[in-house]
Amino acid sequence: MPSSHLAIAAHLAWGHIRPLCTLSAKLVKLQDLYITFLTTRSLHGKVTAELARNFEDGEEEFESRIRVVGLNFDEKNPFDLAEFERSFEQQFWMLANGESALCAHQQKQLAILKRPDALLVDIFCYKLLQIARRLSPDIKVWASGPTFGTSLYALFGPFGPDSRGYLQRLVTQHMAATGQDLMPAALEVVSSPSDQVIQAPGLLPIFKYENFPQERILDVPFVGLLHLDAASLIHECDALVSFTSAIYDPKECIEALDDFFALTSRKMHLVGPLISDTKRSARVEMEGAAKSPELLAFMQNALKAHGEDSLIYISFGTLFWSTQPDRLWTVLDVLMEKKIPFILSHASPWAKVPDEISEKIKASGLGFLTTWAPQQTVLEHPVTGWFLTHGGFNSITESIVAGVPMICWPFGADQALNTLLLTENLGVAYELIEVRTGSSGLKPVYRTGKAPTATLDAVRAEANTVLDKAFSEDGAKKRANTQNLKHMSSELWKEGGSSRIATQKLLNDLH
């Protein structure tokens, strides 16, 4: 029986959970240990399937060392995490006391294991750290960092000798000044589009309002509380397990974060990229793609008609969408005018493509519309030349690993900061500025001093300019930079690679 036991807990954000699945598989292959993966009951099947694709046929012994525990949560209000936290407390108490945990999804007791040596939690799960330390005071609690170091530093910092509680103090002061309760006060402090200048080491500065380059399609009132939790977790965890790598983030930022953790004798472990690269995963991707034979046929026909690196893949993830989609229709018009083939994957529940747009695209023979696409398959296809993306961390990682340069259209969260890193530091992307919307999006950009003009004519002009560059020598340089990052990324998890070494050091801390 394995001598070590690691518990992992995460909820809601699939973009945070998916790389944790890949990391879990790598951990059990590197060391003799068990993993108990705690997530919401509704995600049990998705997590189980994602874990499975990270193993090869014949690795069933490794695969069996990970068991998934579905926890109760409020299905009517999934953003209310109180029920999830109560369920976590019940099951973690069982684990910490050497008793059998209960999976709410399968309605069965799990085998008894030794108590967990450590708990790895999502960056927004600070309350789980508090629960775990109350139930098991000597347990190590690690935090996952599902973004670039620059974005983590700018969004949840500052980080220094006196930074603990900094964000909480700002919120407390705001509550005293306004009479607001905690949730609205935290939201205003975190999400107010002020002209405060923020900067991570090694990254160009931006105005705070530039983190909100698009009008919000959905208000999330508890986002301020999530930021409070993240800042607290970073300051109180025993180690940070970051999904980035030193080849992506500037040296100055990595050193600043290392210095911060060293103040309290803690470490940051850089373990990215966390992308499934097994033969089974490739087979799952192809099986998914086979469910859309029209998509595969479209890519093959585009390859024959237009050649390699000719197609633009467009996706804003499963959530994000513009409140003014006429900007997107204008960009699509430019693509069709330039005879550039494209795939638009519009998975957001707010995405609606008017009939006249669909008909125009179909008549052109240049575009393919779908509500789902096997993203890794599309990115790795030889026809795909560029990825028009919202700039989410996982999408960026997949694009880099596939060697595909990007055109960024950020919406919120860490995306504006990610885009800045890609365009200004790594030289692997362009950014569309004129597509910005809302009061924050139409303010001046710090690095240029200019504000978007907010007209469709400006969107059209910028799209023409960016696409001309993308398919010129300038774009070829960005492609070469991306290919170089792809090669370096492929070395990180090989024997002697920095991510593999960092993960082994993390595992050594279990003992």
Protein backbone atom coordinates (compact mmCIF):
# COMPACT_ATOMS: atom_id res chain seq x y z
CA MET A 1 0.00 0.00 0.00
CA PRO A 2 1.32 3.51 -0.83
CA SER A 3 2.90 5.22 2.14
CA SER A 4 1.58 8.75 1.36
CA HIS A 5 -1.91 10.22 1.01
CA LEU A 6 -2.72 13.56 -0.62
CA ALA A 7 -6.18 15.13 -0.55
CA ILE A 8 -7.16 17.59 -3.30
CA ALA A 9 -10.22 19.84 -3.11
CA ALA A 10 -11.71 22.16 -5.72
CA HIS A 11 -15.16 23.33 -6.81
CA LEU A 12 -17.04 25.22 -9.55
CA ALA A 13 -14.27 26.53 -11.79
CA TRP A 14 -13.59 23.76 -14.34
CA GLY A 15 -10.67 25.77 -15.69
CA HIS A 16 -9.03 25.36 -12.27
CA ILE A 17 -10.05 21.72 -11.80
CA ARG A 18 -8.94 20.32 -15.16
CA PRO A 19 -5.19 20.96 -14.67
CA LEU A 20 -5.50 19.52 -11.16
CA CYS A 21 -6.63 16.27 -12.80
CA THR A 22 -3.52 16.24 -15.00
CA LEU A 23 -1.32 17.03 -12.01
CA SER A 24 -2.95 14.21 -9.99
CA ALA A 25 -2.06 11.67 -12.67
CA LYS A 26 1.52 12.89 -12.83
CA LEU A 27 1.85 12.72 -9.04
CA VAL A 28 0.82 9.08 -8.70
CA LYS A 29 3.18 8.14 -11.52
CA LEU A 30 6.09 9.90 -9.82
CA GLN A 31 5.55 8.60 -6.30
CA ASP A 32 3.86 5.77 -4.49
CA LEU A 33 0.84 7.62 -3.04
CA TYR A 34 -2.93 7.73 -2.89
CA ILE A 35 -4.98 10.77 -3.85
CA THR A 36 -8.49 11.56 -2.65
CA PHE A 37 -9.98 14.16 -5.02
CA LEU A 38 -12.90 16.04 -3.42
CA THR A 39 -15.19 18.06 -5.67
CA THR A 40 -18.89 18.79 -6.13
CA ARG A 41 -21.25 15.89 -6.71
CA SER A 42 -22.22 17.31 -10.12
CA LEU A 43 -18.58 17.29 -11.30
CA HIS A 44 -17.79 13.75 -10.15
CA GLY A 45 -18.26 12.18 -13.59
CA LYS A 46 -16.40 14.96 -15.41
CA VAL A 47 -13.43 14.76 -13.04
CA THR A 48 -13.35 10.95 -13.29
CA ALA A 49 -13.33 11.13 -17.10
CA GLU A 50 -10.64 13.82 -17.14
CA LEU A 51 -8.44 11.79 -14.81
CA ALA A 52 -8.83 8.72 -17.01
CA ARG A 53 -7.54 10.47 -20.13
CA ASN A 54 -4.29 11.28 -18.32
CA PHE A 55 -3.31 7.61 -18.12
CA GLU A 56 -2.17 5.19 -20.79
CA ASP A 57 -3.70 1.79 -21.32
CA GLY A 58 -1.82 -0.53 -18.97
CA GLU A 59 -1.49 2.11 -16.23
CA GLU A 60 -4.59 0.94 -14.37
CA GLU A 61 -2.59 0.44 -11.17
CA PHE A 62 -1.62 4.11 -11.11
CA GLU A 63 -5.16 5.10 -12.05
CA SER A 64 -6.60 3.09 -9.15
CA ARG A 65 -4.67 5.19 -6.66
CA ILE A 66 -6.94 8.18 -7.25
CA ARG A 67 -10.49 8.11 -5.95
CA VAL A 68 -13.00 10.91 -6.52
CA VAL A 69 -15.37 12.00 -3.76
CA GLY A 70 -18.48 13.91 -4.77
CA LEU A 71 -19.54 16.40 -2.09
CA ASN A 72 -22.98 17.86 -1.50
CA PHE A 73 -23.67 21.41 -2.62
CA ASP A 74 -26.70 23.65 -3.16
CA GLU A 75 -27.83 22.73 -6.67
CA LYS A 76 -30.37 25.58 -6.74
CA ASN A 77 -27.67 28.10 -5.87
CA PRO A 78 -24.30 26.54 -6.80
CA PHE A 79 -22.45 29.76 -6.00
CA ASP A 80 -23.47 29.45 -2.34
CA LEU A 81 -20.56 27.39 -1.08
CA ALA A 82 -21.77 26.94 2.49
CA GLU A 83 -23.24 23.48 1.77
CA PHE A 84 -20.09 22.40 -0.07
CA GLU A 85 -17.94 23.55 2.84
CA ARG A 86 -20.12 21.67 5.35
CA SER A 87 -19.88 18.53 3.23
CA PHE A 88 -16.11 18.95 2.92
CA GLU A 89 -15.83 19.30 6.70
CA GLN A 90 -17.78 16.08 7.27
CA GLN A 91 -15.74 14.03 4.81
CA PHE A 92 -12.37 15.54 5.73
CA TRP A 93 -13.07 14.74 9.37
CA MET A 94 -13.54 11.12 8.28
CA LEU A 95 -10.27 11.14 6.34
CA ALA A 96 -8.34 12.86 9.14
CA ASN A 97 -9.57 10.31 11.67
CA GLY A 98 -8.86 7.25 9.57
CA GLU A 99 -12.51 6.51 8.86
CA SER A 100 -14.33 5.76 5.61
CA ALA A 101 -15.42 8.78 3.57
CA LEU A 102 -18.78 8.81 1.76
CA CYS A 103 -19.11 9.81 -1.90
CA ALA A 104 -22.44 11.65 -2.29
CA HIS A 105 -22.43 10.98 -6.03
CA GLN A 106 -22.00 7.21 -5.88
CA GLN A 107 -23.64 6.85 -2.46
CA LYS A 108 -20.97 4.47 -1.27
CA GLN A 109 -18.31 4.33 1.40
CA LEU A 110 -14.70 4.48 0.28
CA ALA A 111 -11.88 2.27 1.51
CA ILE A 112 -10.13 3.46 4.66
CA LEU A 113 -6.69 4.97 4.07
CA LYS A 114 -4.12 6.56 6.32
CA ARG A 115 -4.90 10.16 7.20
CA PRO A 116 -3.86 12.69 4.53
CA ASP A 117 -0.31 14.01 4.74
CA ALA A 118 -1.26 17.15 2.83
CA LEU A 119 -4.21 18.95 1.28
CA LEU A 120 -3.99 20.79 -2.06
CA VAL A 121 -6.82 23.30 -2.53
CA ASP A 122 -7.92 25.61 -5.32
CA ILE A 123 -6.81 29.21 -4.90
CA PHE A 124 -10.35 30.29 -3.99
CA CYS A 125 -10.80 27.63 -1.27
CA TYR A 126 -9.33 29.46 1.72
CA LYS A 127 -12.12 28.28 4.00
CA LEU A 128 -11.12 24.69 3.30
CA LEU A 129 -7.66 25.50 4.64
CA GLN A 130 -9.27 26.81 7.83
CA ILE A 131 -11.43 23.70 8.17
CA ALA A 132 -8.54 21.32 7.52
CA ARG A 133 -6.23 22.97 10.03
CA ARG A 134 -8.95 22.95 12.68
CA LEU A 135 -9.55 19.23 12.18
CA SER A 136 -5.92 18.26 11.57
CA PRO A 137 -3.63 21.00 12.97
CA ASP A 138 -0.36 19.54 11.66
CA ILE A 139 -1.50 18.94 8.06
CA LYS A 140 0.33 20.68 5.24
CA VAL A 141 -2.00 22.79 3.10
CA TRP A 142 -0.87 23.73 -0.40
CA ALA A 143 -2.58 26.25 -2.68
CA SER A 144 -2.86 25.84 -6.44
CA GLY A 145 -2.05 28.80 -8.67
CA PRO A 146 -4.06 28.40 -11.90
CA THR A 147 -2.65 31.41 -13.76
CA PHE A 148 0.60 33.14 -14.69
CA GLY A 149 2.75 34.52 -11.89
CA THR A 150 2.33 38.05 -13.25
CA SER A 151 -1.46 37.82 -13.08
CA LEU A 152 -1.38 36.27 -9.62
CA TYR A 153 0.91 39.06 -8.38
CA ALA A 154 -1.14 41.89 -9.88
CA LEU A 155 -4.56 40.54 -8.89
CA PHE A 156 -3.90 39.26 -5.38
CA GLY A 157 -0.84 41.25 -4.25
CA PRO A 158 1.01 43.08 -2.92
CA PHE A 159 3.36 40.46 -1.52
CA GLY A 160 5.96 41.52 1.02
CA PRO A 161 6.91 41.51 4.71
CA ASP A 162 3.80 43.47 5.77
CA SER A 163 1.33 42.44 3.08
CA ARG A 164 -0.66 39.87 5.06
CA GLY A 165 -4.18 41.20 5.56
CA TYR A 166 -3.63 44.14 3.18
CA LEU A 167 -6.75 43.53 1.07
CA GLN A 168 -8.83 42.77 4.17
CA ARG A 169 -7.78 46.10 5.67
CA LEU A 170 -8.84 47.94 2.51
CA VAL A 171 -12.24 46.25 2.61
CA THR A 172 -12.68 46.96 6.31
CA GLN A 173 -11.88 50.65 5.73
CA HIS A 174 -14.36 50.75 2.85
CA MET A 175 -17.06 49.17 5.03
CA ALA A 176 -16.46 51.82 7.70
CA ALA A 177 -16.57 54.65 5.15
CA THR A 178 -19.67 53.47 3.28
CA GLY A 179 -21.65 51.45 5.82
CA GLN A 180 -21.72 48.53 3.37
CA ASP A 181 -21.74 44.87 4.34
CA LEU A 182 -18.75 42.68 3.57
CA MET A 183 -19.82 41.30 0.17
CA PRO A 184 -20.63 44.61 -1.59
CA ALA A 185 -17.66 46.33 0.04
CA ALA A 186 -15.26 43.61 -1.13
CA LEU A 187 -16.77 43.76 -4.62
CA GLU A 188 -16.24 47.51 -4.87
CA VAL A 189 -12.67 47.35 -3.61
CA VAL A 190 -11.72 44.54 -5.98
CA SER A 191 -13.80 45.39 -9.05
CA SER A 192 -14.11 49.16 -9.04
CA PRO A 193 -12.72 50.35 -12.39
CA SER A 194 -10.36 52.96 -10.97
CA ASP A 195 -7.40 54.62 -12.65
CA GLN A 196 -5.03 53.10 -10.10
CA VAL A 197 -1.88 51.84 -11.82
CA ILE A 198 -1.14 48.18 -11.13
CA GLN A 199 1.96 46.26 -12.13
CA ALA A 200 3.65 42.94 -11.62
CA PRO A 201 7.46 42.76 -11.67
CA GLY A 202 8.73 42.44 -15.22
CA LEU A 203 5.34 43.34 -16.74
CA LEU A 204 4.26 46.69 -18.15
CA PRO A 205 1.86 48.65 -15.91
CA ILE A 206 -1.84 49.02 -16.67
CA PHE A 207 -4.69 51.00 -15.21
CA LYS A 208 -6.88 48.92 -12.91
CA TYR A 209 -9.88 49.56 -15.15
CA GLU A 210 -8.08 47.79 -18.00
CA ASN A 211 -8.80 44.52 -16.18
CA PHE A 212 -12.40 45.06 -17.32
CA PRO A 213 -12.04 45.67 -21.08
CA GLN A 214 -15.55 44.41 -21.84
CA GLU A 215 -18.93 45.28 -20.43
CA ARG A 216 -19.88 42.49 -18.02
CA ILE A 217 -22.45 40.08 -19.34
CA LEU A 218 -22.96 38.69 -15.83
CA ASP A 219 -22.48 40.33 -12.45
CA VAL A 220 -20.88 38.05 -9.87
CA PRO A 221 -21.48 39.73 -6.50
CA PHE A 222 -19.15 37.42 -4.54
CA VAL A 223 -16.05 37.95 -6.71
CA GLY A 224 -14.64 40.31 -4.08
CA LEU A 225 -14.92 37.58 -1.46
CA LEU A 226 -13.07 35.19 -3.77
CA HIS A 227 -10.22 37.69 -4.04
CA LEU A 228 -10.12 38.02 -0.25
CA ASP A 229 -9.94 34.23 0.03
CA ALA A 230 -7.20 33.98 -2.59
CA ALA A 231 -5.05 36.65 -0.95
CA SER A 232 -5.46 35.01 2.47
CA LEU A 233 -4.71 31.54 1.11
CA ILE A 234 -1.53 32.71 -0.64
CA HIS A 235 -0.31 34.25 2.61
CA GLU A 236 -1.22 31.30 4.84
CA CYS A 237 -0.66 28.15 2.76
CA ASP A 238 2.44 26.01 3.30
CA ALA A 239 3.39 26.15 -0.39
CA LEU A 240 2.07 27.43 -3.71
CA VAL A 241 1.75 24.92 -6.55
CA SER A 242 1.78 27.17 -9.60
CA PHE A 243 0.61 25.97 -13.00
CA THR A 244 2.96 28.35 -14.82
CA SER A 245 6.66 27.97 -15.66
CA ALA A 246 9.75 30.14 -15.63
CA ILE A 247 9.78 30.02 -19.45
CA TYR A 248 6.45 31.90 -19.51
CA ASP A 249 6.78 34.43 -16.69
CA PRO A 250 9.42 37.17 -16.45
CA LYS A 251 12.39 36.41 -14.25
CA GLU A 252 11.67 39.47 -12.09
CA CYS A 253 8.21 38.19 -11.18
CA ILE A 254 9.34 34.67 -10.34
CA GLU A 255 12.13 36.05 -8.15
CA ALA A 256 9.74 38.45 -6.38
CA LEU A 257 7.32 35.63 -5.59
CA ASP A 258 10.15 33.32 -4.50
CA ASP A 259 11.46 36.05 -2.20
CA PHE A 260 7.98 36.56 -0.73
CA PHE A 261 7.53 32.88 0.11
CA ALA A 262 11.08 32.68 1.45
CA LEU A 263 10.19 35.32 4.07
CA THR A 264 8.21 32.62 5.88
CA SER A 265 10.37 29.63 4.82
CA ARG A 266 7.85 28.53 2.22
CA LYS A 267 8.26 27.66 -1.45
CA MET A 268 6.56 28.16 -4.79
CA HIS A 269 6.68 25.12 -7.07
CA LEU A 270 6.33 25.79 -10.82
CA VAL A 271 4.76 22.67 -12.34
CA GLY A 272 3.31 23.86 -15.67
CA PRO A 273 2.23 23.22 -18.29
CA LEU A 274 -0.47 20.79 -17.17
CA ILE A 275 -1.86 19.50 -20.45
CA SER A 276 -2.79 15.86 -20.96
CA ASP A 277 -0.37 14.35 -23.49
CA THR A 278 -1.19 10.64 -23.35
CA LYS A 279 -2.16 8.45 -26.28
CA ARG A 280 -5.45 7.80 -24.53
CA SER A 281 -6.09 11.54 -24.35
CA ALA A 282 -5.40 11.89 -28.06
CA ARG A 283 -7.81 9.04 -28.69
CA VAL A 284 -10.49 10.71 -26.56
CA GLU A 285 -9.97 13.94 -28.49
CA MET A 286 -10.34 12.13 -31.79
CA GLU A 287 -13.42 10.30 -30.58
CA GLY A 288 -14.91 13.65 -29.62
CA ALA A 289 -13.95 15.11 -32.97
CA ALA A 290 -15.51 12.12 -34.74
CA LYS A 291 -18.86 13.19 -33.30
CA SER A 292 -18.51 16.27 -35.53
CA PRO A 293 -17.45 14.84 -38.90
CA GLU A 294 -18.49 18.08 -40.58
CA LEU A 295 -15.88 19.95 -38.54
CA LEU A 296 -13.12 17.53 -39.48
CA ALA A 297 -14.14 17.69 -43.12
CA PHE A 298 -14.15 21.49 -43.01
CA MET A 299 -10.58 21.57 -41.65
CA GLN A 300 -9.35 19.09 -44.24
CA ASN A 301 -11.01 21.02 -47.07
CA ALA A 302 -9.55 24.29 -45.76
CA LEU A 303 -6.12 22.65 -45.65
CA LYS A 304 -6.42 21.59 -49.29
CA ALA A 305 -7.77 24.95 -50.46
CA HIS A 306 -5.73 27.37 -48.34
CA GLY A 307 -2.72 25.44 -47.02
CA GLU A 308 -1.13 25.04 -43.62
CA ASP A 309 -1.47 27.73 -40.93
CA SER A 310 -4.29 29.38 -42.89
CA LEU A 311 -7.27 28.98 -40.56
CA ILE A 312 -8.24 31.09 -37.55
CA TYR A 313 -9.88 29.27 -34.65
CA ILE A 314 -12.16 31.51 -32.56
CA SER A 315 -13.31 30.65 -29.05
CA PHE A 316 -14.03 32.70 -25.93
CA GLY A 317 -14.37 29.68 -23.68
CA THR A 318 -17.59 28.34 -22.21
CA LEU A 319 -18.71 31.54 -20.49
CA PHE A 320 -17.53 34.76 -22.11
CA TRP A 321 -19.38 36.58 -24.88
CA SER A 322 -19.65 40.21 -26.00
CA THR A 323 -22.64 42.33 -25.04
CA GLN A 324 -22.12 43.98 -28.44
CA PRO A 325 -21.63 41.02 -30.79
CA ASP A 326 -21.76 43.29 -33.83
CA ARG A 327 -18.03 43.73 -33.16
CA LEU A 328 -17.52 40.01 -33.68
CA TRP A 329 -19.70 39.99 -36.80
CA THR A 330 -17.50 42.80 -38.16
CA VAL A 331 -14.34 40.77 -37.54
CA LEU A 332 -15.95 37.79 -39.29
CA ASP A 333 -16.81 40.06 -42.23
CA VAL A 334 -13.14 41.01 -42.52
CA LEU A 335 -12.11 37.34 -42.43
CA MET A 336 -14.52 36.54 -45.24
CA GLU A 337 -13.43 39.55 -47.28
CA LYS A 338 -9.82 38.36 -46.97
CA LYS A 339 -10.80 34.77 -47.85
CA ILE A 340 -9.46 33.50 -44.51
CA PRO A 341 -11.13 30.28 -43.29
CA PHE A 342 -12.28 30.21 -39.68
CA ILE A 343 -14.04 28.14 -37.03
CA LEU A 344 -16.20 29.92 -34.46
CA SER A 345 -16.91 27.84 -31.35
CA HIS A 346 -19.60 29.67 -29.38
CA ALA A 347 -20.24 27.68 -26.21
CA SER A 348 -21.37 30.56 -23.98
CA PRO A 349 -25.03 30.41 -22.90
CA TRP A 350 -25.26 34.06 -23.97
CA ALA A 351 -23.96 33.38 -27.47
CA LYS A 352 -26.61 33.87 -30.13
CA VAL A 353 -25.70 33.92 -33.82
CA PRO A 354 -28.43 35.62 -35.89
CA ASP A 355 -29.78 33.70 -38.87
CA GLU A 356 -28.53 36.31 -41.33
CA ILE A 357 -24.98 35.96 -39.97
CA SER A 358 -25.14 32.16 -40.13
CA GLU A 359 -26.44 32.28 -43.68
CA LYS A 360 -23.74 34.72 -44.78
CA ILE A 361 -21.03 32.50 -43.31
CA LYS A 362 -22.49 29.38 -44.89
CA ALA A 363 -22.76 31.07 -48.29
CA SER A 364 -19.11 32.17 -48.11
CA GLY A 365 -17.89 28.61 -47.61
CA LEU A 366 -15.16 30.05 -45.38
CA GLY A 367 -16.58 29.62 -41.89
CA PHE A 368 -17.78 26.85 -39.63
CA LEU A 369 -20.04 27.54 -36.62
CA THR A 370 -20.32 25.14 -33.69
CA THR A 371 -21.30 25.24 -30.03
CA TRP A 372 -18.47 22.83 -29.19
CA ALA A 373 -15.11 21.98 -30.70
CA PRO A 374 -12.37 19.55 -29.62
CA GLN A 375 -9.99 22.41 -28.91
CA GLN A 376 -6.72 20.51 -28.72
CA THR A 377 -7.56 18.67 -31.94
CA VAL A 378 -8.33 21.94 -33.71
CA LEU A 379 -5.21 23.68 -32.41
CA GLU A 380 -2.95 20.78 -33.36
CA HIS A 381 -4.36 20.45 -36.89
CA PRO A 382 -1.88 21.69 -39.54
CA VAL A 383 -4.50 24.06 -41.02
CA THR A 384 -4.80 26.11 -37.83
CA GLY A 385 -2.65 29.22 -38.01
CA TRP A 386 -4.03 31.52 -35.31
CA PHE A 387 -6.20 31.31 -32.22
CA LEU A 388 -8.55 34.25 -31.57
CA THR A 389 -9.04 33.79 -27.83
CA HIS A 390 -10.34 35.52 -24.71
CA GLY A 391 -6.95 34.89 -23.12
CA GLY A 392 -7.91 32.39 -20.44
CA PHE A 393 -4.93 30.62 -18.89
CA ASN A 394 -5.84 27.10 -20.05
CA SER A 395 -6.59 28.22 -23.61
CA ILE A 396 -3.27 30.04 -23.75
CA THR A 397 -1.40 27.01 -22.45
CA GLU A 398 -3.06 24.73 -25.00
CA SER A 399 -2.22 27.18 -27.78
CA ILE A 400 1.44 27.42 -26.76
CA VAL A 401 1.78 23.64 -26.43
CA ALA A 402 0.29 23.32 -29.94
CA GLY A 403 2.63 26.03 -31.27
CA VAL A 404 -0.22 28.31 -32.41
CA PRO A 405 0.17 32.11 -31.97
CA MET A 406 -2.79 34.11 -30.73
CA ILE A 407 -4.98 37.14 -31.31
CA CYS A 408 -6.40 38.17 -27.95
CA TRP A 409 -9.83 39.62 -27.14
CA PRO A 410 -9.82 39.71 -23.30
CA PHE A 411 -13.03 40.10 -21.29
CA GLY A 412 -12.14 40.06 -17.58
CA ALA A 413 -10.61 38.03 -14.75
CA ASP A 414 -6.86 37.52 -15.48
CA GLN A 415 -7.26 37.84 -19.25
CA ALA A 416 -6.07 41.43 -19.77
CA LEU A 417 -2.92 40.74 -17.75
CA ASN A 418 -2.37 37.45 -19.56
CA THR A 419 -2.70 39.26 -22.87
CA LEU A 420 -0.15 41.86 -21.82
CA LEU A 421 2.33 39.08 -21.05
CA LEU A 422 1.71 37.39 -24.41
CA THR A 423 1.97 40.53 -26.52
CA GLU A 424 4.68 42.54 -24.76
CA ASN A 425 6.90 39.93 -23.08
CA LEU A 426 6.59 36.69 -25.02
CA GLY A 427 5.86 38.12 -28.48
CA VAL A 428 3.36 35.38 -29.36
CA ALA A 429 0.15 37.37 -29.77
CA TYR A 430 -1.65 40.48 -30.97
CA GLU A 431 -4.42 42.23 -29.06
CA LEU A 432 -7.64 43.68 -30.43
CA ILE A 433 -8.26 47.00 -28.68
CA GLU A 434 -11.09 48.52 -30.71
CA VAL A 435 -13.45 45.67 -29.77
CA ARG A 436 -13.54 46.93 -26.18
CA THR A 437 -16.92 47.90 -24.73
CA GLY A 438 -18.40 49.48 -21.62
CA SER A 439 -17.30 52.48 -19.59
CA SER A 440 -14.02 50.84 -18.52
CA GLY A 441 -13.17 49.42 -21.92
CA LEU A 442 -13.43 52.79 -23.63
CA LYS A 443 -10.94 54.57 -21.38
CA PRO A 444 -7.30 55.20 -22.41
CA VAL A 445 -4.86 52.28 -22.55
CA TYR A 446 -1.91 52.93 -20.24
CA ARG A 447 0.83 51.77 -22.58
CA THR A 448 -0.43 53.84 -25.55
CA GLY A 449 -2.25 56.73 -23.89
CA LYS A 450 -5.03 56.30 -26.45
CA ALA A 451 -8.66 55.26 -25.95
CA PRO A 452 -10.60 53.04 -28.36
CA THR A 453 -12.93 54.98 -30.65
CA ALA A 454 -15.70 52.39 -30.22
CA THR A 455 -16.94 52.45 -33.80
CA LEU A 456 -17.46 49.48 -36.10
CA ASP A 457 -15.31 51.23 -38.68
CA ALA A 458 -12.46 51.24 -36.15
CA VAL A 459 -13.04 47.55 -35.40
CA ARG A 460 -12.89 46.80 -39.11
CA ALA A 461 -9.73 48.84 -39.62
CA GLU A 462 -7.95 47.22 -36.68
CA ALA A 463 -8.99 43.72 -37.75
CA ASN A 464 -7.58 44.39 -41.22
CA THR A 465 -4.32 45.68 -39.75
CA VAL A 466 -3.88 42.80 -37.32
CA LEU A 467 -4.70 40.15 -39.91
CA ASP A 468 -2.33 41.72 -42.43
CA LYS A 469 0.42 41.54 -39.81
CA ALA A 470 -0.53 38.00 -38.79
CA PHE A 471 -0.02 36.72 -42.33
CA SER A 472 3.17 38.69 -42.93
CA GLU A 473 6.77 38.54 -41.72
CA ASP A 474 5.70 40.05 -38.40
CA GLY A 475 3.27 37.19 -37.84
CA ALA A 476 5.94 34.71 -38.87
CA LYS A 477 8.14 36.03 -36.05
CA LYS A 478 5.33 35.50 -33.54
CA ARG A 479 4.82 32.00 -34.89
CA ALA A 480 8.53 31.27 -34.48
CA ASN A 481 8.39 32.57 -30.90
CA THR A 482 5.41 30.32 -30.20
CA GLN A 483 7.14 27.32 -31.75
CA ASN A 484 10.17 28.00 -29.57
CA LEU A 485 7.94 28.08 -26.47
CA LYS A 486 6.30 24.86 -27.65
CA HIS A 487 9.68 23.14 -27.83
CA MET A 488 10.76 24.43 -24.41
CA SER A 489 7.38 23.43 -22.93
CA SER A 490 7.84 19.88 -24.21
CA GLU A 491 11.05 19.58 -22.17
CA LEU A 492 9.62 20.72 -18.82
CA TRP A 493 8.10 17.37 -17.80
CA LYS A 494 10.79 15.14 -19.25
CA GLU A 495 13.43 13.53 -17.04
CA GLY A 496 15.52 16.41 -15.70
CA GLY A 497 12.93 19.01 -16.73
CA SER A 498 12.28 21.87 -14.30
CA SER A 499 8.58 21.09 -13.77
CA ARG A 500 9.28 17.43 -13.08
CA ILE A 501 12.03 18.39 -10.62
CA ALA A 502 9.78 20.95 -8.89
CA THR A 503 7.01 18.38 -8.54
CA GLN A 504 9.39 15.81 -7.10
CA LYS A 505 10.54 18.38 -4.52
CA LEU A 506 6.91 19.03 -3.65
CA LEU A 507 6.31 15.31 -3.16
CA ASN A 508 9.41 15.07 -0.96
CA ASP A 509 7.71 17.52 1.41
CA LEU A 510 4.98 14.92 2.06
CA HIS A 511 7.35 13.05 4.35
